[in-house]
Amino acid sequence: MSTITRAHLAETIYAQVGLSRNESASLLETVLGRMSAALEAGESVKISGFGTFSVRQKGRRIGRNPKTGVEVPILPRRVLVFRPSQVLKAHVNHVIPPVGVGEDE
């Protein structure tokens, strides 16, 4: 099992699109930067056939320290949520989705 890195992605862009290595890396950084900026602004990022990234607000709640059992407040925060498309789920599970399913995701 391996991890896909920015370098791997940039190299794939270089190999498949035909841009120079510097242009490929720059394109990747631009795309990731735009995605990050949209998420920071509270917008969703939808990649057709892959899934949707969105930010969700979690409220204040009481948690418990598992070692001591002492209750501690957990402050409100924003969390990143990824919801995979039906197409991605089908690829992961090696299933061919019915025609028309997940095409708009």
PDB file of N, CA and C in Angstrom:
ATOM      1  N   MET A   1       0.852  -1.177   0.000  1.00  0.00           N
ATOM      2  CA  MET A   1       0.000   0.000   0.000  1.00  0.00           C
ATOM      3  C   MET A   1       0.899   1.242   0.000  1.00  0.00           C
ATOM      4  N   SER A   2       0.593   2.183  -0.872  1.00  0.00           N
ATOM      5  CA  SER A   2       1.408   3.386  -0.940  1.00  0.00           C
ATOM      6  C   SER A   2       0.531   4.623  -0.842  1.00  0.00           C
ATOM      7  N   THR A   3       1.164   5.738  -0.609  1.00  0.00           N
ATOM      8  CA  THR A   3       0.474   7.010  -0.492  1.00  0.00           C
ATOM      9  C   THR A   3       0.687   7.813  -1.764  1.00  0.00           C
ATOM     10  N   ILE A   4      -0.354   8.449  -2.244  1.00  0.00           N
ATOM     11  CA  ILE A   4      -0.224   9.325  -3.403  1.00  0.00           C
ATOM     12  C   ILE A   4       0.193  10.697  -2.888  1.00  0.00           C
ATOM     13  N   THR A   5       1.313  11.183  -3.389  1.00  0.00           N
ATOM     14  CA  THR A   5       1.837  12.467  -2.945  1.00  0.00           C
ATOM     15  C   THR A   5       1.628  13.523  -4.025  1.00  0.00           C
ATOM     16  N   ARG A   6       1.898  14.774  -3.662  1.00  0.00           N
ATOM     17  CA  ARG A   6       1.833  15.853  -4.645  1.00  0.00           C
ATOM     18  C   ARG A   6       2.808  15.583  -5.783  1.00  0.00           C
ATOM     19  N   ALA A   7       3.979  15.064  -5.436  1.00  0.00           N
ATOM     20  CA  ALA A   7       4.981  14.762  -6.463  1.00  0.00           C
ATOM     21  C   ALA A   7       4.459  13.704  -7.435  1.00  0.00           C
ATOM     22  N   HIS A   8       3.783  12.666  -6.916  1.00  0.00           N
ATOM     23  CA  HIS A   8       3.201  11.641  -7.787  1.00  0.00           C
ATOM     24  C   HIS A   8       2.146  12.248  -8.701  1.00  0.00           C
ATOM     25  N   LEU A   9       1.294  13.081  -8.138  1.00  0.00           N
ATOM     26  CA  LEU A   9       0.248  13.714  -8.942  1.00  0.00           C
ATOM     27  C   LEU A   9       0.846  14.616 -10.015  1.00  0.00           C
ATOM     28  N   ALA A  10       1.836  15.417  -9.652  1.00  0.00           N
ATOM     29  CA  ALA A  10       2.487  16.310 -10.616  1.00  0.00           C
ATOM     30  C   ALA A  10       3.156  15.494 -11.716  1.00  0.00           C
ATOM     31  N   GLU A  11       3.769  14.384 -11.360  1.00  0.00           N
ATOM     32  CA  GLU A  11       4.425  13.526 -12.355  1.00  0.00           C
ATOM     33  C   GLU A  11       3.398  12.909 -13.301  1.00  0.00           C
ATOM     34  N   THR A  12       2.234  12.548 -12.776  1.00  0.00           N
ATOM     35  CA  THR A  12       1.164  11.996 -13.605  1.00  0.00           C
ATOM     36  C   THR A  12       0.648  13.045 -14.585  1.00  0.00           C
ATOM     37  N   ILE A  13       0.489  14.272 -14.110  1.00  0.00           N
ATOM     38  CA  ILE A  13       0.071  15.368 -15.001  1.00  0.00           C
ATOM     39  C   ILE A  13       1.115  15.548 -16.100  1.00  0.00           C
ATOM     40  N   TYR A  14       2.376  15.539 -15.709  1.00  0.00           N
ATOM     41  CA  TYR A  14       3.475  15.682 -16.677  1.00  0.00           C
ATOM     42  C   TYR A  14       3.405  14.582 -17.739  1.00  0.00           C
ATOM     43  N   ALA A  15       3.214  13.341 -17.307  1.00  0.00           N
ATOM     44  CA  ALA A  15       3.227  12.204 -18.225  1.00  0.00           C
ATOM     45  C   ALA A  15       1.999  12.155 -19.134  1.00  0.00           C
ATOM     46  N   GLN A  16       0.841  12.532 -18.598  1.00  0.00           N
ATOM     47  CA  GLN A  16      -0.392  12.358 -19.363  1.00  0.00           C
ATOM     48  C   GLN A  16      -0.846  13.593 -20.112  1.00  0.00           C
ATOM     49  N   VAL A  17      -0.516  14.777 -19.610  1.00  0.00           N
ATOM     50  CA  VAL A  17      -0.993  16.006 -20.238  1.00  0.00           C
ATOM     51  C   VAL A  17       0.055  16.593 -21.177  1.00  0.00           C
ATOM     52  N   GLY A  18       1.311  16.394 -20.845  1.00  0.00           N
ATOM     53  CA  GLY A  18       2.352  16.888 -21.721  1.00  0.00           C
ATOM     54  C   GLY A  18       2.904  18.250 -21.347  1.00  0.00           C
ATOM     55  N   LEU A  19       2.516  18.753 -20.184  1.00  0.00           N
ATOM     56  CA  LEU A  19       3.109  20.006 -19.702  1.00  0.00           C
ATOM     57  C   LEU A  19       4.514  19.699 -19.185  1.00  0.00           C
ATOM     58  N   SER A  20       5.304  20.747 -19.005  1.00  0.00           N
ATOM     59  CA  SER A  20       6.624  20.537 -18.411  1.00  0.00           C
ATOM     60  C   SER A  20       6.440  20.139 -16.945  1.00  0.00           C
ATOM     61  N   ARG A  21       7.503  19.649 -16.331  1.00  0.00           N
ATOM     62  CA  ARG A  21       7.400  19.253 -14.915  1.00  0.00           C
ATOM     63  C   ARG A  21       7.040  20.459 -14.047  1.00  0.00           C
ATOM     64  N   ASN A  22       7.657  21.618 -14.316  1.00  0.00           N
ATOM     65  CA  ASN A  22       7.348  22.824 -13.539  1.00  0.00           C
ATOM     66  C   ASN A  22       5.913  23.273 -13.755  1.00  0.00           C
ATOM     67  N   GLU A  23       5.451  23.224 -14.999  1.00  0.00           N
ATOM     68  CA  GLU A  23       4.063  23.615 -15.290  1.00  0.00           C
ATOM     69  C   GLU A  23       3.079  22.642 -14.642  1.00  0.00           C
ATOM     70  N   SER A  24       3.413  21.369 -14.641  1.00  0.00           N
ATOM     71  CA  SER A  24       2.554  20.357 -14.020  1.00  0.00           C
ATOM     72  C   SER A  24       2.441  20.588 -12.515  1.00  0.00           C
ATOM     73  N   ALA A  25       3.572  20.857 -11.870  1.00  0.00           N
ATOM     74  CA  ALA A  25       3.570  21.126 -10.432  1.00  0.00           C
ATOM     75  C   ALA A  25       2.794  22.403 -10.131  1.00  0.00           C
ATOM     76  N   SER A  26       2.968  23.409 -10.961  1.00  0.00           N
ATOM     77  CA  SER A  26       2.272  24.686 -10.778  1.00  0.00           C
ATOM     78  C   SER A  26       0.755  24.504 -10.947  1.00  0.00           C
ATOM     79  N   LEU A  27       0.354  23.736 -11.951  1.00  0.00           N
ATOM     80  CA  LEU A  27      -1.073  23.465 -12.171  1.00  0.00           C
ATOM     81  C   LEU A  27      -1.672  22.756 -10.962  1.00  0.00           C
ATOM     82  N   LEU A  28      -0.978  21.745 -10.463  1.00  0.00           N
ATOM     83  CA  LEU A  28      -1.462  21.008  -9.293  1.00  0.00           C
ATOM     84  C   LEU A  28      -1.606  21.932  -8.091  1.00  0.00           C
ATOM     85  N   GLU A  29      -0.597  22.764  -7.838  1.00  0.00           N
ATOM     86  CA  GLU A  29      -0.660  23.692  -6.701  1.00  0.00           C
ATOM     87  C   GLU A  29      -1.803  24.688  -6.854  1.00  0.00           C
ATOM     88  N   THR A  30      -2.068  25.130  -8.089  1.00  0.00           N
ATOM     89  CA  THR A  30      -3.173  26.060  -8.336  1.00  0.00           C
ATOM     90  C   THR A  30      -4.509  25.403  -8.025  1.00  0.00           C
ATOM     91  N   VAL A  31      -4.684  24.168  -8.487  1.00  0.00           N
ATOM     92  CA  VAL A  31      -5.939  23.445  -8.240  1.00  0.00           C
ATOM     93  C   VAL A  31      -6.136  23.212  -6.744  1.00  0.00           C
ATOM     94  N   LEU A  32      -5.097  22.723  -6.069  1.00  0.00           N
ATOM     95  CA  LEU A  32      -5.217  22.468  -4.626  1.00  0.00           C
ATOM     96  C   LEU A  32      -5.433  23.767  -3.850  1.00  0.00           C
ATOM     97  N   GLY A  33      -4.794  24.834  -4.283  1.00  0.00           N
ATOM     98  CA  GLY A  33      -4.986  26.135  -3.637  1.00  0.00           C
ATOM     99  C   GLY A  33      -6.410  26.652  -3.781  1.00  0.00           C
ATOM    100  N   ARG A  34      -6.978  26.497  -4.970  1.00  0.00           N
ATOM    101  CA  ARG A  34      -8.363  26.928  -5.192  1.00  0.00           C
ATOM    102  C   ARG A  34      -9.327  26.097  -4.364  1.00  0.00           C
ATOM    103  N   MET A  35      -9.070  24.797  -4.279  1.00  0.00           N
ATOM    104  CA  MET A  35      -9.925  23.933  -3.462  1.00  0.00           C
ATOM    105  C   MET A  35      -9.839  24.344  -1.988  1.00  0.00           C
ATOM    106  N   SER A  36      -8.635  24.568  -1.502  1.00  0.00           N
ATOM    107  CA  SER A  36      -8.439  24.968  -0.105  1.00  0.00           C
ATOM    108  C   SER A  36      -9.121  26.289   0.196  1.00  0.00           C
ATOM    109  N   ALA A  37      -8.976  27.255  -0.707  1.00  0.00           N
ATOM    110  CA  ALA A  37      -9.581  28.577  -0.501  1.00  0.00           C
ATOM    111  C   ALA A  37     -11.103  28.473  -0.455  1.00  0.00           C
ATOM    112  N   ALA A  38     -11.682  27.657  -1.342  1.00  0.00           N
ATOM    113  CA  ALA A  38     -13.135  27.484  -1.347  1.00  0.00           C
ATOM    114  C   ALA A  38     -13.610  26.857  -0.042  1.00  0.00           C
ATOM    115  N   LEU A  39     -12.892  25.844   0.440  1.00  0.00           N
ATOM    116  CA  LEU A  39     -13.276  25.198   1.695  1.00  0.00           C
ATOM    117  C   LEU A  39     -13.117  26.139   2.880  1.00  0.00           C
ATOM    118  N   GLU A  40     -12.053  26.936   2.886  1.00  0.00           N
ATOM    119  CA  GLU A  40     -11.857  27.918   3.964  1.00  0.00           C
ATOM    120  C   GLU A  40     -12.994  28.923   3.990  1.00  0.00           C
ATOM    121  N   ALA A  41     -13.538  29.255   2.800  1.00  0.00           N
ATOM    122  CA  ALA A  41     -14.644  30.208   2.705  1.00  0.00           C
ATOM    123  C   ALA A  41     -15.986  29.552   3.017  1.00  0.00           C
ATOM    124  N   GLY A  42     -15.986  28.255   3.328  1.00  0.00           N
ATOM    125  CA  GLY A  42     -17.216  27.563   3.679  1.00  0.00           C
ATOM    126  C   GLY A  42     -17.970  27.005   2.489  1.00  0.00           C
ATOM    127  N   GLU A  43     -17.372  27.040   1.299  1.00  0.00           N
ATOM    128  CA  GLU A  43     -18.014  26.508   0.099  1.00  0.00           C
ATOM    129  C   GLU A  43     -17.724  25.016  -0.028  1.00  0.00           C
ATOM    130  N   SER A  44     -18.563  24.317  -0.779  1.00  0.00           N
ATOM    131  CA  SER A  44     -18.325  22.910  -1.076  1.00  0.00           C
ATOM    132  C   SER A  44     -17.523  22.807  -2.358  1.00  0.00           C
ATOM    133  N   VAL A  45     -16.744  21.746  -2.468  1.00  0.00           N
ATOM    134  CA  VAL A  45     -15.977  21.469  -3.682  1.00  0.00           C
ATOM    135  C   VAL A  45     -16.445  20.119  -4.204  1.00  0.00           C
ATOM    136  N   LYS A  46     -17.061  20.135  -5.390  1.00  0.00           N
ATOM    137  CA  LYS A  46     -17.592  18.909  -5.977  1.00  0.00           C
ATOM    138  C   LYS A  46     -16.750  18.529  -7.188  1.00  0.00           C
ATOM    139  N   ILE A  47     -16.254  17.292  -7.189  1.00  0.00           N
ATOM    140  CA  ILE A  47     -15.489  16.760  -8.307  1.00  0.00           C
ATOM    141  C   ILE A  47     -16.327  15.625  -8.890  1.00  0.00           C
ATOM    142  N   SER A  48     -16.844  15.860 -10.075  1.00  0.00           N
ATOM    143  CA  SER A  48     -17.743  14.911 -10.721  1.00  0.00           C
ATOM    144  C   SER A  48     -17.097  13.542 -10.828  1.00  0.00           C
ATOM    145  N   GLY A  49     -17.839  12.515 -10.444  1.00  0.00           N
ATOM    146  CA  GLY A  49     -17.336  11.151 -10.507  1.00  0.00           C
ATOM    147  C   GLY A  49     -16.396  10.780  -9.376  1.00  0.00           C
ATOM    148  N   PHE A  50     -16.106  11.715  -8.482  1.00  0.00           N
ATOM    149  CA  PHE A  50     -15.191  11.449  -7.372  1.00  0.00           C
ATOM    150  C   PHE A  50     -15.887  11.670  -6.037  1.00  0.00           C
ATOM    151  N   GLY A  51     -16.387  12.894  -5.801  1.00  0.00           N
ATOM    152  CA  GLY A  51     -17.084  13.163  -4.551  1.00  0.00           C
ATOM    153  C   GLY A  51     -17.135  14.640  -4.228  1.00  0.00           C
ATOM    154  N   THR A  52     -17.626  14.937  -3.040  1.00  0.00           N
ATOM    155  CA  THR A  52     -17.803  16.313  -2.602  1.00  0.00           C
ATOM    156  C   THR A  52     -17.105  16.534  -1.269  1.00  0.00           C
ATOM    157  N   PHE A  53     -16.289  17.594  -1.216  1.00  0.00           N
ATOM    158  CA  PHE A  53     -15.661  18.032   0.017  1.00  0.00           C
ATOM    159  C   PHE A  53     -16.500  19.190   0.547  1.00  0.00           C
ATOM    160  N   SER A  54     -16.803  19.198   1.829  1.00  0.00           N
ATOM    161  CA  SER A  54     -17.534  20.317   2.414  1.00  0.00           C
ATOM    162  C   SER A  54     -17.073  20.521   3.857  1.00  0.00           C
ATOM    163  N   VAL A  55     -17.440  21.675   4.401  1.00  0.00           N
ATOM    164  CA  VAL A  55     -17.078  22.029   5.767  1.00  0.00           C
ATOM    165  C   VAL A  55     -18.358  22.019   6.595  1.00  0.00           C
ATOM    166  N   ARG A  56     -18.296  21.364   7.739  1.00  0.00           N
ATOM    167  CA  ARG A  56     -19.447  21.287   8.622  1.00  0.00           C
ATOM    168  C   ARG A  56     -19.092  21.902   9.969  1.00  0.00           C
ATOM    169  N   GLN A  57     -20.023  22.619  10.547  1.00  0.00           N
ATOM    170  CA  GLN A  57     -19.822  23.236  11.857  1.00  0.00           C
ATOM    171  C   GLN A  57     -20.261  22.255  12.934  1.00  0.00           C
ATOM    172  N   LYS A  58     -19.375  21.986  13.885  1.00  0.00           N
ATOM    173  CA  LYS A  58     -19.733  21.141  15.023  1.00  0.00           C
ATOM    174  C   LYS A  58     -19.892  22.037  16.238  1.00  0.00           C
ATOM    175  N   GLY A  59     -20.922  21.794  16.987  1.00  0.00           N
ATOM    176  CA  GLY A  59     -21.204  22.610  18.156  1.00  0.00           C
ATOM    177  C   GLY A  59     -20.379  22.225  19.368  1.00  0.00           C
ATOM    178  N   ARG A  60     -20.522  23.030  20.418  1.00  0.00           N
ATOM    179  CA  ARG A  60     -19.835  22.758  21.685  1.00  0.00           C
ATOM    180  C   ARG A  60     -20.476  21.543  22.325  1.00  0.00           C
ATOM    181  N   ARG A  61     -19.626  20.709  22.926  1.00  0.00           N
ATOM    182  CA  ARG A  61     -20.151  19.529  23.616  1.00  0.00           C
ATOM    183  C   ARG A  61     -19.213  19.145  24.744  1.00  0.00           C
ATOM    184  N   ILE A  62     -19.676  18.238  25.561  1.00  0.00           N
ATOM    185  CA  ILE A  62     -18.867  17.761  26.682  1.00  0.00           C
ATOM    186  C   ILE A  62     -18.261  16.417  26.290  1.00  0.00           C
ATOM    187  N   GLY A  63     -16.952  16.310  26.457  1.00  0.00           N
ATOM    188  CA  GLY A  63     -16.247  15.060  26.200  1.00  0.00           C
ATOM    189  C   GLY A  63     -15.717  14.498  27.503  1.00  0.00           C
ATOM    190  N   ARG A  64     -15.071  13.362  27.425  1.00  0.00           N
ATOM    191  CA  ARG A  64     -14.542  12.726  28.620  1.00  0.00           C
ATOM    192  C   ARG A  64     -13.128  12.240  28.330  1.00  0.00           C
ATOM    193  N   ASN A  65     -12.215  12.556  29.257  1.00  0.00           N
ATOM    194  CA  ASN A  65     -10.846  12.057  29.135  1.00  0.00           C
ATOM    195  C   ASN A  65     -10.885  10.554  29.375  1.00  0.00           C
ATOM    196  N   PRO A  66     -10.468   9.751  28.386  1.00  0.00           N
ATOM    197  CA  PRO A  66     -10.587   8.297  28.550  1.00  0.00           C
ATOM    198  C   PRO A  66      -9.716   7.716  29.665  1.00  0.00           C
ATOM    199  N   LYS A  67      -8.615   8.378  30.000  1.00  0.00           N
ATOM    200  CA  LYS A  67      -7.748   7.863  31.072  1.00  0.00           C
ATOM    201  C   LYS A  67      -8.312   8.152  32.451  1.00  0.00           C
ATOM    202  N   THR A  68      -8.761   9.403  32.653  1.00  0.00           N
ATOM    203  CA  THR A  68      -9.176   9.813  33.992  1.00  0.00           C
ATOM    204  C   THR A  68     -10.682   9.826  34.188  1.00  0.00           C
ATOM    205  N   GLY A  69     -11.445   9.875  33.079  1.00  0.00           N
ATOM    206  CA  GLY A  69     -12.896   9.949  33.200  1.00  0.00           C
ATOM    207  C   GLY A  69     -13.409  11.350  33.479  1.00  0.00           C
ATOM    208  N   VAL A  70     -12.506  12.335  33.548  1.00  0.00           N
ATOM    209  CA  VAL A  70     -12.893  13.714  33.834  1.00  0.00           C
ATOM    210  C   VAL A  70     -13.570  14.320  32.607  1.00  0.00           C
ATOM    211  N   GLU A  71     -14.706  14.990  32.834  1.00  0.00           N
ATOM    212  CA  GLU A  71     -15.413  15.651  31.736  1.00  0.00           C
ATOM    213  C   GLU A  71     -14.692  16.935  31.362  1.00  0.00           C
ATOM    214  N   VAL A  72     -14.568  17.174  30.056  1.00  0.00           N
ATOM    215  CA  VAL A  72     -13.936  18.397  29.561  1.00  0.00           C
ATOM    216  C   VAL A  72     -14.775  18.959  28.421  1.00  0.00           C
ATOM    217  N   PRO A  73     -14.861  20.294  28.328  1.00  0.00           N
ATOM    218  CA  PRO A  73     -15.632  20.871  27.223  1.00  0.00           C
ATOM    219  C   PRO A  73     -14.842  20.768  25.910  1.00  0.00           C
ATOM    220  N   ILE A  74     -15.543  20.430  24.830  1.00  0.00           N
ATOM    221  CA  ILE A  74     -14.954  20.429  23.497  1.00  0.00           C
ATOM    222  C   ILE A  74     -15.543  21.634  22.780  1.00  0.00           C
ATOM    223  N   LEU A  75     -14.677  22.538  22.372  1.00  0.00           N
ATOM    224  CA  LEU A  75     -15.118  23.800  21.783  1.00  0.00           C
ATOM    225  C   LEU A  75     -15.708  23.596  20.391  1.00  0.00           C
ATOM    226  N   PRO A  76     -16.583  24.522  19.959  1.00  0.00           N
ATOM    227  CA  PRO A  76     -17.133  24.433  18.601  1.00  0.00           C
ATOM    228  C   PRO A  76     -16.004  24.529  17.579  1.00  0.00           C
ATOM    229  N   ARG A  77     -16.158  23.819  16.478  1.00  0.00           N
ATOM    230  CA  ARG A  77     -15.132  23.862  15.445  1.00  0.00           C
ATOM    231  C   ARG A  77     -15.728  23.476  14.102  1.00  0.00           C
ATOM    232  N   ARG A  78     -14.964  23.755  13.055  1.00  0.00           N
ATOM    233  CA  ARG A  78     -15.364  23.365  11.706  1.00  0.00           C
ATOM    234  C   ARG A  78     -14.569  22.128  11.323  1.00  0.00           C
ATOM    235  N   VAL A  79     -15.252  21.165  10.703  1.00  0.00           N
ATOM    236  CA  VAL A  79     -14.587  19.934  10.296  1.00  0.00           C
ATOM    237  C   VAL A  79     -14.781  19.721   8.795  1.00  0.00           C
ATOM    238  N   LEU A  80     -13.792  19.106   8.174  1.00  0.00           N
ATOM    239  CA  LEU A  80     -13.849  18.797   6.754  1.00  0.00           C
ATOM    240  C   LEU A  80     -14.537  17.449   6.573  1.00  0.00           C
ATOM    241  N   VAL A  81     -15.480  17.392   5.649  1.00  0.00           N
ATOM    242  CA  VAL A  81     -16.237  16.180   5.389  1.00  0.00           C
ATOM    243  C   VAL A  81     -16.078  15.828   3.911  1.00  0.00           C
ATOM    244  N   PHE A  82     -15.845  14.546   3.614  1.00  0.00           N
ATOM    245  CA  PHE A  82     -15.787  14.080   2.237  1.00  0.00           C
ATOM    246  C   PHE A  82     -16.891  13.076   2.018  1.00  0.00           C
ATOM    247  N   ARG A  83     -17.660  13.287   0.976  1.00  0.00           N
ATOM    248  CA  ARG A  83     -18.737  12.361   0.632  1.00  0.00           C
ATOM    249  C   ARG A  83     -18.447  11.804  -0.758  1.00  0.00           C
ATOM    250  N   PRO A  84     -18.082  10.524  -0.857  1.00  0.00           N
ATOM    251  CA  PRO A  84     -17.728   9.948  -2.160  1.00  0.00           C
ATOM    252  C   PRO A  84     -18.943   9.819  -3.072  1.00  0.00           C
ATOM    253  N   SER A  85     -18.700   9.916  -4.382  1.00  0.00           N
ATOM    254  CA  SER A  85     -19.774   9.743  -5.354  1.00  0.00           C
ATOM    255  C   SER A  85     -20.098   8.258  -5.500  1.00  0.00           C
ATOM    256  N   GLN A  86     -21.227   7.988  -6.116  1.00  0.00           N
ATOM    257  CA  GLN A  86     -21.608   6.597  -6.377  1.00  0.00           C
ATOM    258  C   GLN A  86     -20.597   5.933  -7.308  1.00  0.00           C
ATOM    259  N   VAL A  87     -20.041   6.704  -8.243  1.00  0.00           N
ATOM    260  CA  VAL A  87     -19.052   6.172  -9.180  1.00  0.00           C
ATOM    261  C   VAL A  87     -17.803   5.724  -8.420  1.00  0.00           C
ATOM    262  N   LEU A  88     -17.308   6.552  -7.500  1.00  0.00           N
ATOM    263  CA  LEU A  88     -16.126   6.192  -6.716  1.00  0.00           C
ATOM    264  C   LEU A  88     -16.409   4.979  -5.846  1.00  0.00           C
ATOM    265  N   LYS A  89     -17.571   4.961  -5.205  1.00  0.00           N
ATOM    266  CA  LYS A  89     -17.936   3.809  -4.374  1.00  0.00           C
ATOM    267  C   LYS A  89     -17.944   2.534  -5.202  1.00  0.00           C
ATOM    268  N   ALA A  90     -18.481   2.612  -6.418  1.00  0.00           N
ATOM    269  CA  ALA A  90     -18.529   1.443  -7.296  1.00  0.00           C
ATOM    270  C   ALA A  90     -17.122   0.981  -7.670  1.00  0.00           C
ATOM    271  N   HIS A  91     -16.219   1.919  -7.968  1.00  0.00           N
ATOM    272  CA  HIS A  91     -14.840   1.556  -8.306  1.00  0.00           C
ATOM    273  C   HIS A  91     -14.148   0.884  -7.117  1.00  0.00           C
ATOM    274  N   VAL A  92     -14.342   1.433  -5.930  1.00  0.00           N
ATOM    275  CA  VAL A  92     -13.708   0.877  -4.733  1.00  0.00           C
ATOM    276  C   VAL A  92     -14.213  -0.534  -4.462  1.00  0.00           C
ATOM    277  N   ASN A  93     -15.495  -0.750  -4.711  1.00  0.00           N
ATOM    278  CA  ASN A  93     -16.102  -2.056  -4.443  1.00  0.00           C
ATOM    279  C   ASN A  93     -16.096  -2.977  -5.664  1.00  0.00           C
ATOM    280  N   HIS A  94     -15.449  -2.539  -6.753  1.00  0.00           N
ATOM    281  CA  HIS A  94     -15.368  -3.329  -7.985  1.00  0.00           C
ATOM    282  C   HIS A  94     -16.747  -3.709  -8.514  1.00  0.00           C
ATOM    283  N   VAL A  95     -17.667  -2.757  -8.478  1.00  0.00           N
ATOM    284  CA  VAL A  95     -19.034  -2.962  -8.946  1.00  0.00           C
ATOM    285  C   VAL A  95     -19.279  -1.986 -10.097  1.00  0.00           C
ATOM    286  N   ILE A  96     -19.941  -2.443 -11.128  1.00  0.00           N
ATOM    287  CA  ILE A  96     -20.300  -1.545 -12.228  1.00  0.00           C
ATOM    288  C   ILE A  96     -21.666  -0.959 -11.901  1.00  0.00           C
ATOM    289  N   PRO A  97     -21.751   0.391 -11.740  1.00  0.00           N
ATOM    290  CA  PRO A  97     -23.036   0.992 -11.383  1.00  0.00           C
ATOM    291  C   PRO A  97     -23.999   0.941 -12.566  1.00  0.00           C
ATOM    292  N   PRO A  98     -25.309   0.918 -12.281  1.00  0.00           N
ATOM    293  CA  PRO A  98     -26.294   0.971 -13.360  1.00  0.00           C
ATOM    294  C   PRO A  98     -26.114   2.253 -14.173  1.00  0.00           C
ATOM    295  N   VAL A  99     -26.513   2.211 -15.429  1.00  0.00           N
ATOM    296  CA  VAL A  99     -26.383   3.382 -16.304  1.00  0.00           C
ATOM    297  C   VAL A  99     -27.173   4.551 -15.707  1.00  0.00           C
ATOM    298  N   GLY A 100     -26.528   5.707 -15.649  1.00  0.00           N
ATOM    299  CA  GLY A 100     -27.198   6.912 -15.129  1.00  0.00           C
ATOM    300  C   GLY A 100     -26.977   7.150 -13.654  1.00  0.00           C
ATOM    301  N   VAL A 101     -26.500   6.188 -12.892  1.00  0.00           N
ATOM    302  CA  VAL A 101     -26.292   6.367 -11.461  1.00  0.00           C
ATOM    303  C   VAL A 101     -24.974   7.081 -11.214  1.00  0.00           C
ATOM    304  N   GLY A 102     -25.019   8.167 -10.458  1.00  0.00           N
ATOM    305  CA  GLY A 102     -23.822   8.868 -10.061  1.00  0.00           C
ATOM    306  C   GLY A 102     -23.177   9.714 -11.136  1.00  0.00           C
ATOM    307  N   GLU A 103     -23.808   9.861 -12.288  1.00  0.00           N
ATOM    308  CA  GLU A 103     -23.183  10.633 -13.355  1.00  0.00           C
ATOM    309  C   GLU A 103     -23.132  12.115 -13.059  1.00  0.00           C
ATOM    310  N   ASP A 104     -24.025  12.595 -12.192  1.00  0.00           N
ATOM    311  CA  ASP A 104     -24.023  14.030 -11.870  1.00  0.00           C
ATOM    312  C   ASP A 104     -23.233  14.315 -10.608  1.00  0.00           C
ATOM    313  N   GLU A 105     -22.592  13.338 -10.015  1.00  0.00           N
ATOM    314  CA  GLU A 105     -21.829  13.560  -8.787  1.00  0.00           C
ATOM    315  C   GLU A 105     -20.377  13.735  -9.070  1.00  0.00           C
TER     316      GLU A 105
END
